[in-house]
């Protein structure tokens, strides 16, 4: 009887040791790293990444800050974005433009400063707007009375699709340049000079 109890105790002890080996922690850092990294979820790329466009034209530093939505097989102008309605010219927060020098755009002065950049798309012509309220979500707080500059531009239609909204500030000379935005098949651009 005594021998049977000792034998049972030994069997239980051995089986407990085997079980504990199966649930042991990894022995080295590499095993630990592999287990933790495989459990982490992969981050999705944002659908409208935050980006910027800037250039020096003479002494003027011109900077656009915007979120860049994608076409993603949608009809953008006249579809997702209705014609003849104010659009914040980007996704999420309103697009803004900053210049450290006065600019002349469409024969009018745009004083050095930071501005919300809005547009009103249309098939025939777009209205381009610089507004003092640059820090707002979308066009939630847009008010025409805060506009400091408005002018019309005829859009160009491209054969190619620009998947993500893109701004460019192009230096033409030490005193002049071009600002452009392109998205889907539409390109809108206008010249400026540094005062």
C-alpha atoms as a PDB file:
ATOM      1  CA  UNK A   1       0.000   0.000   0.000  1.00  0.00           C
ATOM      2  CA  UNK A   2       2.807   2.337   0.958  1.00  0.00           C
ATOM      3  CA  UNK A   3       4.561   1.607  -2.356  1.00  0.00           C
ATOM      4  CA  UNK A   4       1.382   2.334  -4.306  1.00  0.00           C
ATOM      5  CA  UNK A   5       1.006   5.762  -2.669  1.00  0.00           C
ATOM      6  CA  UNK A   6       4.647   6.632  -3.426  1.00  0.00           C
ATOM      7  CA  UNK A   7       4.185   5.499  -7.022  1.00  0.00           C
ATOM      8  CA  UNK A   8       1.046   7.623  -7.421  1.00  0.00           C
ATOM      9  CA  UNK A   9       2.837  10.645  -5.955  1.00  0.00           C
ATOM     10  CA  UNK A  10       5.705  10.190  -8.428  1.00  0.00           C
ATOM     11  CA  UNK A  11       3.299   9.923 -11.390  1.00  0.00           C
ATOM     12  CA  UNK A  12       1.465  13.107 -10.318  1.00  0.00           C
ATOM     13  CA  UNK A  13       4.767  14.937  -9.806  1.00  0.00           C
ATOM     14  CA  UNK A  14       6.080  13.982 -13.275  1.00  0.00           C
ATOM     15  CA  UNK A  15       2.839  14.928 -15.018  1.00  0.00           C
ATOM     16  CA  UNK A  16       2.813  18.334 -13.258  1.00  0.00           C
ATOM     17  CA  UNK A  17       6.380  18.986 -14.431  1.00  0.00           C
ATOM     18  CA  UNK A  18       5.479  18.135 -18.051  1.00  0.00           C
ATOM     19  CA  UNK A  19       2.441  20.447 -17.973  1.00  0.00           C
ATOM     20  CA  UNK A  20       4.467  23.324 -16.573  1.00  0.00           C
ATOM     21  CA  UNK A  21       7.022  22.959 -19.419  1.00  0.00           C
ATOM     22  CA  UNK A  22       4.252  23.462 -21.991  1.00  0.00           C
ATOM     23  CA  UNK A  23       3.168  26.811 -20.529  1.00  0.00           C
ATOM     24  CA  UNK A  24       6.628  28.210 -19.853  1.00  0.00           C
ATOM     25  CA  UNK A  25       7.441  31.716 -21.042  1.00  0.00           C
ATOM     26  CA  UNK A  26       9.771  32.111 -24.069  1.00  0.00           C
ATOM     27  CA  UNK A  27      13.396  31.647 -23.087  1.00  0.00           C
ATOM     28  CA  UNK A  28      14.902  34.463 -25.144  1.00  0.00           C
ATOM     29  CA  UNK A  29      14.042  38.022 -26.185  1.00  0.00           C
ATOM     30  CA  UNK A  30      13.627  37.089 -29.857  1.00  0.00           C
ATOM     31  CA  UNK A  31      10.809  34.649 -29.035  1.00  0.00           C
ATOM     32  CA  UNK A  32       9.131  37.319 -26.881  1.00  0.00           C
ATOM     33  CA  UNK A  33       9.437  39.906 -29.672  1.00  0.00           C
ATOM     34  CA  UNK A  34       7.947  37.532 -32.246  1.00  0.00           C
ATOM     35  CA  UNK A  35       4.951  36.763 -30.035  1.00  0.00           C
ATOM     36  CA  UNK A  36       4.191  40.428 -29.264  1.00  0.00           C
ATOM     37  CA  UNK A  37       4.631  41.746 -32.806  1.00  0.00           C
ATOM     38  CA  UNK A  38       2.416  39.091 -34.348  1.00  0.00           C
ATOM     39  CA  UNK A  39      -0.363  40.019 -31.915  1.00  0.00           C
ATOM     40  CA  UNK A  40      -0.261  43.750 -32.813  1.00  0.00           C
ATOM     41  CA  UNK A  41      -2.853  44.867 -35.379  1.00  0.00           C
ATOM     42  CA  UNK A  42      -1.490  46.394 -38.573  1.00  0.00           C
ATOM     43  CA  UNK A  43      -2.226  50.098 -38.931  1.00  0.00           C
ATOM     44  CA  UNK A  44      -4.396  51.135 -41.874  1.00  0.00           C
ATOM     45  CA  UNK A  45      -3.234  53.931 -44.124  1.00  0.00           C
ATOM     46  CA  UNK A  46      -5.479  56.992 -43.774  1.00  0.00           C
ATOM     47  CA  UNK A  47      -7.910  57.478 -46.668  1.00  0.00           C
ATOM     48  CA  UNK A  48      -7.140  61.213 -46.743  1.00  0.00           C
ATOM     49  CA  UNK A  49      -3.531  61.634 -45.590  1.00  0.00           C
ATOM     50  CA  UNK A  50      -2.457  64.978 -44.131  1.00  0.00           C
ATOM     51  CA  UNK A  51       0.175  66.656 -46.311  1.00  0.00           C
ATOM     52  CA  UNK A  52       1.527  69.995 -47.497  1.00  0.00           C
ATOM     53  CA  UNK A  53       2.969  71.837 -50.479  1.00  0.00           C
ATOM     54  CA  UNK A  54       5.362  74.743 -50.248  1.00  0.00           C
ATOM     55  CA  UNK A  55       7.947  76.751 -52.141  1.00  0.00           C
ATOM     56  CA  UNK A  56      10.179  79.788 -51.863  1.00  0.00           C
ATOM     57  CA  UNK A  57       9.491  82.356 -54.573  1.00  0.00           C
ATOM     58  CA  UNK A  58      12.023  85.126 -54.098  1.00  0.00           C
ATOM     59  CA  UNK A  59      11.689  86.073 -50.423  1.00  0.00           C
ATOM     60  CA  UNK A  60       8.162  84.673 -50.170  1.00  0.00           C
ATOM     61  CA  UNK A  61       7.594  81.354 -48.404  1.00  0.00           C
ATOM     62  CA  UNK A  62       4.219  79.995 -49.539  1.00  0.00           C
ATOM     63  CA  UNK A  63       2.802  77.005 -47.677  1.00  0.00           C
ATOM     64  CA  UNK A  64      -0.403  74.977 -48.228  1.00  0.00           C
ATOM     65  CA  UNK A  65      -1.557  72.536 -45.540  1.00  0.00           C
ATOM     66  CA  UNK A  66      -4.330  70.053 -46.392  1.00  0.00           C
ATOM     67  CA  UNK A  67      -5.693  66.528 -46.164  1.00  0.00           C
ATOM     68  CA  UNK A  68      -5.618  64.714 -49.486  1.00  0.00           C
ATOM     69  CA  UNK A  69      -8.731  62.621 -50.241  1.00  0.00           C
ATOM     70  CA  UNK A  70      -8.707  59.907 -52.896  1.00  0.00           C
ATOM     71  CA  UNK A  71     -11.059  59.421 -55.850  1.00  0.00           C
ATOM     72  CA  UNK A  72     -11.642  55.726 -55.003  1.00  0.00           C
ATOM     73  CA  UNK A  73     -13.758  55.136 -58.133  1.00  0.00           C
ATOM     74  CA  UNK A  74     -16.212  57.928 -57.269  1.00  0.00           C
ATOM     75  CA  UNK A  75     -17.509  60.835 -59.324  1.00  0.00           C
ATOM     76  CA  UNK A  76     -16.069  63.797 -57.439  1.00  0.00           C
ATOM     77  CA  UNK A  77     -17.143  67.086 -59.019  1.00  0.00           C
ATOM     78  CA  UNK A  78     -20.878  67.233 -59.581  1.00  0.00           C
ATOM     79  CA  UNK A  79     -21.174  63.971 -57.573  1.00  0.00           C
ATOM     80  CA  UNK A  80     -19.505  63.696 -54.164  1.00  0.00           C
ATOM     81  CA  UNK A  81     -18.977  67.476 -54.266  1.00  0.00           C
ATOM     82  CA  UNK A  82     -21.978  69.310 -55.662  1.00  0.00           C
ATOM     83  CA  UNK A  83     -21.446  72.167 -58.076  1.00  0.00           C
ATOM     84  CA  UNK A  84     -22.011  75.733 -56.859  1.00  0.00           C
ATOM     85  CA  UNK A  85     -21.360  74.910 -53.181  1.00  0.00           C
ATOM     86  CA  UNK A  86     -18.433  76.004 -51.002  1.00  0.00           C
ATOM     87  CA  UNK A  87     -15.837  73.267 -50.458  1.00  0.00           C
ATOM     88  CA  UNK A  88     -12.896  73.429 -48.018  1.00  0.00           C
ATOM     89  CA  UNK A  89     -10.579  72.277 -50.846  1.00  0.00           C
ATOM     90  CA  UNK A  90      -9.447  69.168 -48.967  1.00  0.00           C
ATOM     91  CA  UNK A  91     -10.695  66.658 -46.414  1.00  0.00           C
ATOM     92  CA  UNK A  92     -11.326  67.036 -42.686  1.00  0.00           C
ATOM     93  CA  UNK A  93      -9.987  70.429 -41.538  1.00  0.00           C
ATOM     94  CA  UNK A  94     -10.153  73.389 -43.904  1.00  0.00           C
ATOM     95  CA  UNK A  95      -7.159  73.730 -46.213  1.00  0.00           C
ATOM     96  CA  UNK A  96      -5.026  76.717 -45.268  1.00  0.00           C
ATOM     97  CA  UNK A  97      -2.385  78.780 -47.018  1.00  0.00           C
ATOM     98  CA  UNK A  98       0.267  80.940 -45.394  1.00  0.00           C
ATOM     99  CA  UNK A  99       2.566  83.521 -46.953  1.00  0.00           C
ATOM    100  CA  UNK A 100       5.178  85.668 -45.254  1.00  0.00           C
ATOM    101  CA  UNK A 101       5.056  88.301 -48.049  1.00  0.00           C
ATOM    102  CA  UNK A 102       2.221  90.191 -49.718  1.00  0.00           C
ATOM    103  CA  UNK A 103       1.109  88.552 -52.969  1.00  0.00           C
ATOM    104  CA  UNK A 104      -0.713  89.918 -55.978  1.00  0.00           C
ATOM    105  CA  UNK A 105      -3.361  87.483 -57.230  1.00  0.00           C
ATOM    106  CA  UNK A 106      -5.844  88.343 -59.961  1.00  0.00           C
ATOM    107  CA  UNK A 107      -4.800  91.995 -59.757  1.00  0.00           C
ATOM    108  CA  UNK A 108      -5.609  92.160 -56.037  1.00  0.00           C
ATOM    109  CA  UNK A 109      -3.353  92.226 -52.979  1.00  0.00           C
ATOM    110  CA  UNK A 110      -3.317  89.314 -50.551  1.00  0.00           C
ATOM    111  CA  UNK A 111      -1.510  90.543 -47.447  1.00  0.00           C
ATOM    112  CA  UNK A 112       1.056  88.356 -45.715  1.00  0.00           C
ATOM    113  CA  UNK A 113      -0.751  86.018 -43.322  1.00  0.00           C
ATOM    114  CA  UNK A 114      -2.590  82.737 -42.905  1.00  0.00           C
ATOM    115  CA  UNK A 115      -5.866  82.075 -44.722  1.00  0.00           C
ATOM    116  CA  UNK A 116      -8.490  79.400 -45.129  1.00  0.00           C
ATOM    117  CA  UNK A 117      -8.525  78.287 -48.774  1.00  0.00           C
ATOM    118  CA  UNK A 118     -11.960  77.471 -50.196  1.00  0.00           C
ATOM    119  CA  UNK A 119     -13.363  76.954 -53.676  1.00  0.00           C
ATOM    120  CA  UNK A 120     -16.774  76.778 -55.315  1.00  0.00           C
ATOM    121  CA  UNK A 121     -16.526  74.192 -58.118  1.00  0.00           C
ATOM    122  CA  UNK A 122     -18.534  74.594 -61.304  1.00  0.00           C
ATOM    123  CA  UNK A 123     -18.338  73.043 -64.767  1.00  0.00           C
ATOM    124  CA  UNK A 124     -17.620  76.400 -66.440  1.00  0.00           C
ATOM    125  CA  UNK A 125     -15.549  78.230 -63.810  1.00  0.00           C
ATOM    126  CA  UNK A 126     -14.441  77.888 -60.210  1.00  0.00           C
ATOM    127  CA  UNK A 127     -14.506  80.573 -57.549  1.00  0.00           C
ATOM    128  CA  UNK A 128     -11.280  80.662 -55.516  1.00  0.00           C
ATOM    129  CA  UNK A 129     -11.574  82.115 -52.001  1.00  0.00           C
ATOM    130  CA  UNK A 130      -9.084  83.235 -49.356  1.00  0.00           C
ATOM    131  CA  UNK A 131     -10.804  83.617 -45.982  1.00  0.00           C
ATOM    132  CA  UNK A 132      -9.524  84.871 -42.609  1.00  0.00           C
ATOM    133  CA  UNK A 133     -11.006  81.883 -40.715  1.00  0.00           C
ATOM    134  CA  UNK A 134      -8.330  79.288 -41.490  1.00  0.00           C
ATOM    135  CA  UNK A 135      -8.743  77.077 -38.402  1.00  0.00           C
ATOM    136  CA  UNK A 136     -12.055  75.259 -38.787  1.00  0.00           C
ATOM    137  CA  UNK A 137     -13.366  71.767 -39.438  1.00  0.00           C
ATOM    138  CA  UNK A 138     -14.391  71.494 -43.077  1.00  0.00           C
ATOM    139  CA  UNK A 139     -16.544  74.479 -43.930  1.00  0.00           C
ATOM    140  CA  UNK A 140     -18.562  74.327 -40.710  1.00  0.00           C
ATOM    141  CA  UNK A 141     -17.792  77.929 -39.755  1.00  0.00           C
ATOM    142  CA  UNK A 142     -17.292  79.358 -43.239  1.00  0.00           C
ATOM    143  CA  UNK A 143     -18.756  82.857 -43.572  1.00  0.00           C
ATOM    144  CA  UNK A 144     -18.522  84.887 -46.765  1.00  0.00           C
ATOM    145  CA  UNK A 145     -18.049  88.085 -44.736  1.00  0.00           C
ATOM    146  CA  UNK A 146     -14.593  86.739 -43.718  1.00  0.00           C
ATOM    147  CA  UNK A 147     -13.445  86.501 -47.363  1.00  0.00           C
ATOM    148  CA  UNK A 148     -10.489  88.751 -48.174  1.00  0.00           C
ATOM    149  CA  UNK A 149     -10.068  87.688 -51.812  1.00  0.00           C
ATOM    150  CA  UNK A 150     -12.369  86.026 -54.366  1.00  0.00           C
ATOM    151  CA  UNK A 151     -11.818  85.483 -58.071  1.00  0.00           C
ATOM    152  CA  UNK A 152     -12.843  83.126 -60.903  1.00  0.00           C
ATOM    153  CA  UNK A 153     -10.705  80.522 -62.646  1.00  0.00           C
ATOM    154  CA  UNK A 154     -11.564  78.328 -65.645  1.00  0.00           C
ATOM    155  CA  UNK A 155     -10.734  74.681 -64.813  1.00  0.00           C
ATOM    156  CA  UNK A 156      -8.725  72.461 -67.157  1.00  0.00           C
ATOM    157  CA  UNK A 157      -9.893  68.907 -67.804  1.00  0.00           C
ATOM    158  CA  UNK A 158      -7.200  66.227 -67.968  1.00  0.00           C
ATOM    159  CA  UNK A 159      -7.284  62.873 -69.747  1.00  0.00           C
ATOM    160  CA  UNK A 160      -5.614  61.262 -66.723  1.00  0.00           C
ATOM    161  CA  UNK A 161      -7.075  60.753 -63.269  1.00  0.00           C
ATOM    162  CA  UNK A 162      -5.254  62.329 -60.315  1.00  0.00           C
ATOM    163  CA  UNK A 163      -6.141  59.811 -57.586  1.00  0.00           C
ATOM    164  CA  UNK A 164      -5.319  62.020 -54.584  1.00  0.00           C
ATOM    165  CA  UNK A 165      -5.909  65.750 -54.290  1.00  0.00           C
ATOM    166  CA  UNK A 166      -2.597  67.496 -54.889  1.00  0.00           C
ATOM    167  CA  UNK A 167      -1.482  71.101 -54.438  1.00  0.00           C
ATOM    168  CA  UNK A 168       1.620  72.568 -56.030  1.00  0.00           C
ATOM    169  CA  UNK A 169       3.373  75.892 -55.537  1.00  0.00           C
ATOM    170  CA  UNK A 170       5.510  76.400 -58.645  1.00  0.00           C
ATOM    171  CA  UNK A 171       8.256  79.009 -58.874  1.00  0.00           C
ATOM    172  CA  UNK A 172       8.240  80.671 -62.321  1.00  0.00           C
ATOM    173  CA  UNK A 173      10.768  83.415 -61.484  1.00  0.00           C
ATOM    174  CA  UNK A 174      12.121  85.212 -58.390  1.00  0.00           C
ATOM    175  CA  UNK A 175       8.983  87.334 -58.338  1.00  0.00           C
ATOM    176  CA  UNK A 176       6.243  85.087 -59.747  1.00  0.00           C
ATOM    177  CA  UNK A 177       4.746  81.634 -59.486  1.00  0.00           C
ATOM    178  CA  UNK A 178       1.693  79.461 -59.981  1.00  0.00           C
ATOM    179  CA  UNK A 179      -0.570  77.742 -57.472  1.00  0.00           C
ATOM    180  CA  UNK A 180      -2.374  74.640 -58.686  1.00  0.00           C
ATOM    181  CA  UNK A 181      -4.681  71.993 -57.333  1.00  0.00           C
ATOM    182  CA  UNK A 182      -5.591  68.835 -59.170  1.00  0.00           C
ATOM    183  CA  UNK A 183      -7.954  66.029 -58.331  1.00  0.00           C
ATOM    184  CA  UNK A 184      -9.889  63.501 -60.370  1.00  0.00           C
ATOM    185  CA  UNK A 185      -9.670  64.933 -63.935  1.00  0.00           C
ATOM    186  CA  UNK A 186      -9.750  68.620 -62.928  1.00  0.00           C
ATOM    187  CA  UNK A 187      -6.809  71.020 -62.682  1.00  0.00           C
ATOM    188  CA  UNK A 188      -7.283  74.529 -61.322  1.00  0.00           C
ATOM    189  CA  UNK A 189      -4.331  76.897 -61.373  1.00  0.00           C
ATOM    190  CA  UNK A 190      -3.690  80.599 -61.069  1.00  0.00           C
ATOM    191  CA  UNK A 191      -0.609  82.839 -61.176  1.00  0.00           C
ATOM    192  CA  UNK A 192       0.669  85.173 -58.480  1.00  0.00           C
ATOM    193  CA  UNK A 193       3.433  87.730 -58.067  1.00  0.00           C
ATOM    194  CA  UNK A 194       5.357  88.637 -54.938  1.00  0.00           C
ATOM    195  CA  UNK A 195       5.010  92.310 -53.933  1.00  0.00           C
END
